[in-house]
Amino acid sequence: MCAYPLFEPWAGEMGLVSGYEALKDSVEADIVSRVNALADEAGVSYAMLHSEEGHVTHAITGVAEITRTDIVCLGTHAREGIRGAVFGNTSEKILHAVGTDGVTVIGT
């Protein structure tokens, strides 16, 4: 599952309304390419890949509900202190919002 920012609200302001679908398709193709490269590098495969436009917490919890996900695994920077307060902890917000078990993996 990969969530990406909402483009539609500002795409119109930039005169991209007619190219909105092409922009969205391009972003989703880039996501698939990057995930495939990461999976190849790690020597793993995946059964499903969802890419959703929207706020990450809403997108992940929505897909987890629709697909009846048993567990959500999230990467995290594990920010603490001032950095954590300023930037927030997206993984923590998702784990509180999602209606299933979750695990976080700290990145390097």
N, C-alpha and C. Protein backbone atom coordinates (compact mmCIF):
# COMPACT_ATOMS: atom_id res chain seq x y z
N MET A 1 0.85 -1.17 0.00
CA MET A 1 0.00 0.00 0.00
C MET A 1 0.89 1.22 0.00
N CYS A 2 0.63 2.10 -0.91
CA CYS A 2 1.37 3.35 -0.98
C CYS A 2 0.37 4.48 -1.15
N ALA A 3 0.41 5.44 -0.25
CA ALA A 3 -0.47 6.60 -0.36
C ALA A 3 0.35 7.78 -0.87
N TYR A 4 -0.27 8.60 -1.68
CA TYR A 4 0.42 9.79 -2.18
C TYR A 4 -0.51 10.99 -2.07
N PRO A 5 0.03 12.19 -2.06
CA PRO A 5 -0.76 13.40 -1.79
C PRO A 5 -1.89 13.61 -2.79
N LEU A 6 -2.91 14.32 -2.34
CA LEU A 6 -4.01 14.69 -3.22
C LEU A 6 -3.53 15.72 -4.23
N PHE A 7 -3.63 15.41 -5.50
CA PHE A 7 -3.20 16.35 -6.54
C PHE A 7 -4.34 17.21 -7.06
N GLU A 8 -5.54 16.70 -7.01
CA GLU A 8 -6.65 17.38 -7.65
C GLU A 8 -6.87 18.81 -7.16
N PRO A 9 -6.80 19.10 -5.85
CA PRO A 9 -7.07 20.48 -5.42
C PRO A 9 -6.14 21.53 -6.04
N TRP A 10 -4.85 21.23 -6.17
CA TRP A 10 -3.96 22.25 -6.73
C TRP A 10 -3.67 22.05 -8.21
N ALA A 11 -4.06 20.92 -8.77
CA ALA A 11 -3.85 20.71 -10.20
C ALA A 11 -4.65 21.72 -11.01
N GLY A 12 -5.86 22.04 -10.53
CA GLY A 12 -6.68 23.03 -11.22
C GLY A 12 -6.07 24.42 -11.17
N GLU A 13 -5.46 24.76 -10.03
CA GLU A 13 -4.83 26.06 -9.88
C GLU A 13 -3.65 26.23 -10.82
N MET A 14 -3.01 25.13 -11.19
CA MET A 14 -1.84 25.20 -12.06
C MET A 14 -2.22 24.99 -13.52
N GLY A 15 -3.51 24.89 -13.81
CA GLY A 15 -3.94 24.71 -15.18
C GLY A 15 -3.75 23.29 -15.69
N LEU A 16 -3.70 22.34 -14.77
CA LEU A 16 -3.46 20.95 -15.16
C LEU A 16 -4.73 20.09 -15.15
N VAL A 17 -5.89 20.72 -15.05
CA VAL A 17 -7.12 19.94 -14.93
C VAL A 17 -7.26 18.95 -16.07
N SER A 18 -6.97 19.37 -17.29
CA SER A 18 -7.13 18.45 -18.43
C SER A 18 -6.10 17.33 -18.38
N GLY A 19 -4.97 17.54 -17.70
CA GLY A 19 -3.94 16.51 -17.61
C GLY A 19 -3.91 15.79 -16.28
N TYR A 20 -4.97 15.96 -15.47
CA TYR A 20 -4.99 15.37 -14.14
C TYR A 20 -4.86 13.86 -14.17
N GLU A 21 -5.62 13.19 -15.00
CA GLU A 21 -5.56 11.72 -15.06
C GLU A 21 -4.19 11.24 -15.51
N ALA A 22 -3.58 11.95 -16.46
CA ALA A 22 -2.24 11.59 -16.92
C ALA A 22 -1.23 11.76 -15.79
N LEU A 23 -1.37 12.84 -15.01
CA LEU A 23 -0.50 13.07 -13.86
C LEU A 23 -0.65 11.95 -12.84
N LYS A 24 -1.88 11.59 -12.53
CA LYS A 24 -2.16 10.52 -11.58
C LYS A 24 -1.58 9.20 -12.08
N ASP A 25 -1.79 8.88 -13.35
CA ASP A 25 -1.25 7.64 -13.93
C ASP A 25 0.27 7.62 -13.86
N SER A 26 0.90 8.76 -14.10
CA SER A 26 2.35 8.86 -14.06
C SER A 26 2.87 8.60 -12.64
N VAL A 27 2.21 9.19 -11.65
CA VAL A 27 2.61 9.00 -10.25
C VAL A 27 2.46 7.53 -9.88
N GLU A 28 1.35 6.91 -10.24
CA GLU A 28 1.13 5.51 -9.90
C GLU A 28 2.13 4.59 -10.60
N ALA A 29 2.48 4.89 -11.85
CA ALA A 29 3.49 4.09 -12.56
C ALA A 29 4.85 4.22 -11.89
N ASP A 30 5.18 5.42 -11.41
CA ASP A 30 6.43 5.63 -10.70
C ASP A 30 6.46 4.84 -9.40
N ILE A 31 5.34 4.81 -8.69
CA ILE A 31 5.24 4.04 -7.45
C ILE A 31 5.50 2.56 -7.72
N VAL A 32 4.85 2.01 -8.73
CA VAL A 32 5.03 0.59 -9.07
C VAL A 32 6.48 0.31 -9.42
N SER A 33 7.09 1.18 -10.20
CA SER A 33 8.49 1.01 -10.59
C SER A 33 9.41 0.99 -9.37
N ARG A 34 9.19 1.94 -8.45
CA ARG A 34 10.03 2.02 -7.25
C ARG A 34 9.83 0.82 -6.34
N VAL A 35 8.59 0.40 -6.16
CA VAL A 35 8.31 -0.76 -5.30
C VAL A 35 8.92 -2.02 -5.91
N ASN A 36 8.81 -2.18 -7.22
CA ASN A 36 9.42 -3.34 -7.88
C ASN A 36 10.93 -3.34 -7.70
N ALA A 37 11.56 -2.18 -7.82
CA ALA A 37 13.02 -2.09 -7.64
C ALA A 37 13.41 -2.45 -6.21
N LEU A 38 12.65 -1.95 -5.23
CA LEU A 38 12.94 -2.28 -3.83
C LEU A 38 12.74 -3.77 -3.56
N ALA A 39 11.67 -4.35 -4.10
CA ALA A 39 11.40 -5.77 -3.90
C ALA A 39 12.50 -6.62 -4.54
N ASP A 40 12.92 -6.25 -5.74
CA ASP A 40 14.00 -6.97 -6.42
C ASP A 40 15.29 -6.91 -5.61
N GLU A 41 15.60 -5.71 -5.10
CA GLU A 41 16.82 -5.51 -4.32
C GLU A 41 16.80 -6.35 -3.04
N ALA A 42 15.61 -6.48 -2.43
CA ALA A 42 15.48 -7.23 -1.19
C ALA A 42 15.27 -8.71 -1.44
N GLY A 43 15.03 -9.10 -2.70
CA GLY A 43 14.81 -10.51 -3.02
C GLY A 43 13.46 -11.03 -2.55
N VAL A 44 12.45 -10.15 -2.54
CA VAL A 44 11.11 -10.56 -2.10
C VAL A 44 10.10 -10.26 -3.21
N SER A 45 8.93 -10.84 -3.06
CA SER A 45 7.85 -10.55 -4.00
C SER A 45 6.61 -10.15 -3.20
N TYR A 46 5.63 -9.62 -3.88
CA TYR A 46 4.39 -9.24 -3.21
C TYR A 46 3.22 -9.72 -4.03
N ALA A 47 2.10 -9.95 -3.36
CA ALA A 47 0.91 -10.45 -4.04
C ALA A 47 0.04 -9.32 -4.55
N MET A 48 -0.01 -8.21 -3.81
CA MET A 48 -0.87 -7.08 -4.17
C MET A 48 -0.14 -5.78 -3.90
N LEU A 49 -0.41 -4.80 -4.71
CA LEU A 49 0.11 -3.46 -4.47
C LEU A 49 -1.04 -2.48 -4.70
N HIS A 50 -1.35 -1.72 -3.67
CA HIS A 50 -2.39 -0.70 -3.77
C HIS A 50 -1.71 0.66 -3.73
N SER A 51 -2.09 1.54 -4.62
CA SER A 51 -1.65 2.93 -4.53
C SER A 51 -2.91 3.78 -4.49
N GLU A 52 -2.99 4.62 -3.49
CA GLU A 52 -4.18 5.43 -3.27
C GLU A 52 -3.80 6.89 -3.14
N GLU A 53 -4.58 7.74 -3.75
CA GLU A 53 -4.39 9.17 -3.62
C GLU A 53 -5.12 9.62 -2.36
N GLY A 54 -4.43 10.36 -1.51
CA GLY A 54 -5.08 10.89 -0.32
C GLY A 54 -4.15 10.96 0.87
N HIS A 55 -4.69 11.39 1.99
CA HIS A 55 -3.92 11.46 3.22
C HIS A 55 -3.55 10.05 3.64
N VAL A 56 -2.31 9.85 4.01
CA VAL A 56 -1.78 8.51 4.25
C VAL A 56 -2.59 7.74 5.30
N THR A 57 -2.99 8.38 6.39
CA THR A 57 -3.74 7.68 7.43
C THR A 57 -5.08 7.19 6.90
N HIS A 58 -5.80 8.04 6.19
CA HIS A 58 -7.10 7.66 5.65
C HIS A 58 -6.96 6.59 4.56
N ALA A 59 -5.96 6.74 3.71
CA ALA A 59 -5.77 5.79 2.62
C ALA A 59 -5.44 4.40 3.15
N ILE A 60 -4.49 4.31 4.07
CA ILE A 60 -4.08 3.00 4.58
C ILE A 60 -5.19 2.35 5.40
N THR A 61 -5.84 3.12 6.27
CA THR A 61 -6.92 2.51 7.06
C THR A 61 -8.09 2.09 6.17
N GLY A 62 -8.36 2.87 5.13
CA GLY A 62 -9.44 2.51 4.20
C GLY A 62 -9.15 1.22 3.44
N VAL A 63 -7.94 1.09 2.92
CA VAL A 63 -7.58 -0.13 2.19
C VAL A 63 -7.53 -1.33 3.14
N ALA A 64 -7.02 -1.13 4.36
CA ALA A 64 -6.97 -2.22 5.34
C ALA A 64 -8.37 -2.73 5.65
N GLU A 65 -9.32 -1.82 5.74
CA GLU A 65 -10.71 -2.21 6.01
C GLU A 65 -11.33 -2.94 4.83
N ILE A 66 -11.17 -2.39 3.64
CA ILE A 66 -11.76 -2.98 2.44
C ILE A 66 -11.20 -4.38 2.16
N THR A 67 -9.89 -4.54 2.35
CA THR A 67 -9.24 -5.82 2.04
C THR A 67 -9.22 -6.78 3.22
N ARG A 68 -9.81 -6.35 4.34
CA ARG A 68 -9.85 -7.17 5.56
C ARG A 68 -8.45 -7.64 5.97
N THR A 69 -7.55 -6.69 6.00
CA THR A 69 -6.16 -6.95 6.32
C THR A 69 -6.02 -7.48 7.74
N ASP A 70 -5.19 -8.52 7.91
CA ASP A 70 -4.94 -9.10 9.23
C ASP A 70 -3.93 -8.30 10.03
N ILE A 71 -2.93 -7.74 9.34
CA ILE A 71 -1.88 -7.00 10.02
C ILE A 71 -1.34 -5.92 9.07
N VAL A 72 -1.03 -4.77 9.62
CA VAL A 72 -0.45 -3.67 8.86
C VAL A 72 1.00 -3.52 9.32
N CYS A 73 1.92 -3.58 8.38
CA CYS A 73 3.35 -3.41 8.68
C CYS A 73 3.79 -2.08 8.10
N LEU A 74 4.36 -1.23 8.94
CA LEU A 74 4.73 0.12 8.53
C LEU A 74 6.19 0.40 8.81
N GLY A 75 6.83 1.12 7.92
CA GLY A 75 8.17 1.61 8.17
C GLY A 75 8.07 2.92 8.95
N THR A 76 9.05 3.20 9.79
CA THR A 76 9.03 4.42 10.58
C THR A 76 10.44 4.97 10.77
N HIS A 77 10.50 6.27 10.96
CA HIS A 77 11.77 6.92 11.31
C HIS A 77 11.96 6.93 12.82
N ALA A 78 10.89 6.63 13.57
CA ALA A 78 10.90 6.60 15.04
C ALA A 78 11.39 7.92 15.62
N ARG A 79 10.83 9.01 15.14
CA ARG A 79 11.22 10.34 15.65
C ARG A 79 10.73 10.51 17.08
N GLU A 80 11.57 11.10 17.88
CA GLU A 80 11.21 11.37 19.27
C GLU A 80 11.56 12.81 19.60
N GLY A 81 11.18 13.26 20.77
CA GLY A 81 11.54 14.59 21.24
C GLY A 81 10.97 15.69 20.36
N ILE A 82 11.76 16.73 20.16
CA ILE A 82 11.33 17.91 19.39
C ILE A 82 11.02 17.52 17.95
N ARG A 83 11.91 16.71 17.34
CA ARG A 83 11.66 16.29 15.95
C ARG A 83 10.34 15.55 15.83
N GLY A 84 10.05 14.67 16.78
CA GLY A 84 8.79 13.94 16.76
C GLY A 84 7.60 14.85 16.93
N ALA A 85 7.73 15.86 17.79
CA ALA A 85 6.64 16.80 18.02
C ALA A 85 6.41 17.67 16.79
N VAL A 86 7.48 18.09 16.14
CA VAL A 86 7.37 18.97 14.97
C VAL A 86 6.87 18.20 13.75
N PHE A 87 7.51 17.07 13.45
CA PHE A 87 7.16 16.31 12.25
C PHE A 87 6.04 15.31 12.48
N GLY A 88 5.78 14.95 13.73
CA GLY A 88 4.74 13.98 14.03
C GLY A 88 5.22 12.57 13.76
N ASN A 89 4.40 11.63 14.09
CA ASN A 89 4.73 10.23 13.87
C ASN A 89 3.59 9.61 13.10
N THR A 90 3.73 9.54 11.80
CA THR A 90 2.68 9.04 10.93
C THR A 90 2.32 7.60 11.26
N SER A 91 3.32 6.76 11.51
CA SER A 91 3.06 5.36 11.83
C SER A 91 2.19 5.23 13.07
N GLU A 92 2.47 6.04 14.07
CA GLU A 92 1.69 6.01 15.31
C GLU A 92 0.24 6.38 15.04
N LYS A 93 0.03 7.41 14.23
CA LYS A 93 -1.33 7.84 13.89
C LYS A 93 -2.08 6.73 13.15
N ILE A 94 -1.40 6.08 12.23
CA ILE A 94 -2.03 5.00 11.46
C ILE A 94 -2.39 3.84 12.37
N LEU A 95 -1.47 3.44 13.24
CA LEU A 95 -1.72 2.30 14.12
C LEU A 95 -2.88 2.58 15.08
N HIS A 96 -3.06 3.83 15.49
CA HIS A 96 -4.20 4.17 16.34
C HIS A 96 -5.51 4.16 15.55
N ALA A 97 -5.45 4.46 14.27
CA ALA A 97 -6.65 4.57 13.44
C ALA A 97 -7.09 3.26 12.80
N VAL A 98 -6.15 2.38 12.51
CA VAL A 98 -6.47 1.16 11.78
C VAL A 98 -7.13 0.15 12.72
N GLY A 99 -8.09 -0.57 12.19
CA GLY A 99 -8.84 -1.53 13.02
C GLY A 99 -8.28 -2.93 12.97
N THR A 100 -6.97 -3.07 12.98
CA THR A 100 -6.34 -4.39 12.93
C THR A 100 -5.01 -4.32 13.67
N ASP A 101 -4.34 -5.44 13.77
CA ASP A 101 -3.02 -5.46 14.39
C ASP A 101 -2.02 -4.73 13.51
N GLY A 102 -0.97 -4.24 14.13
CA GLY A 102 0.05 -3.52 13.38
C GLY A 102 1.43 -3.74 13.96
N VAL A 103 2.42 -3.55 13.12
CA VAL A 103 3.82 -3.65 13.53
C VAL A 103 4.58 -2.57 12.79
N THR A 104 5.59 -1.99 13.45
CA THR A 104 6.43 -1.01 12.79
C THR A 104 7.86 -1.54 12.68
N VAL A 105 8.51 -1.14 11.62
CA VAL A 105 9.90 -1.51 11.37
C VAL A 105 10.67 -0.20 11.25
N ILE A 106 11.69 -0.05 12.07
CA ILE A 106 12.48 1.17 12.06
C ILE A 106 13.47 1.12 10.91
N GLY A 107 13.43 2.16 10.06
CA GLY A 107 14.36 2.24 8.92
C GLY A 107 15.74 2.65 9.37
N THR A 108 16.69 2.50 8.46
CA THR A 108 18.06 2.89 8.79
C THR A 108 18.42 4.20 8.14
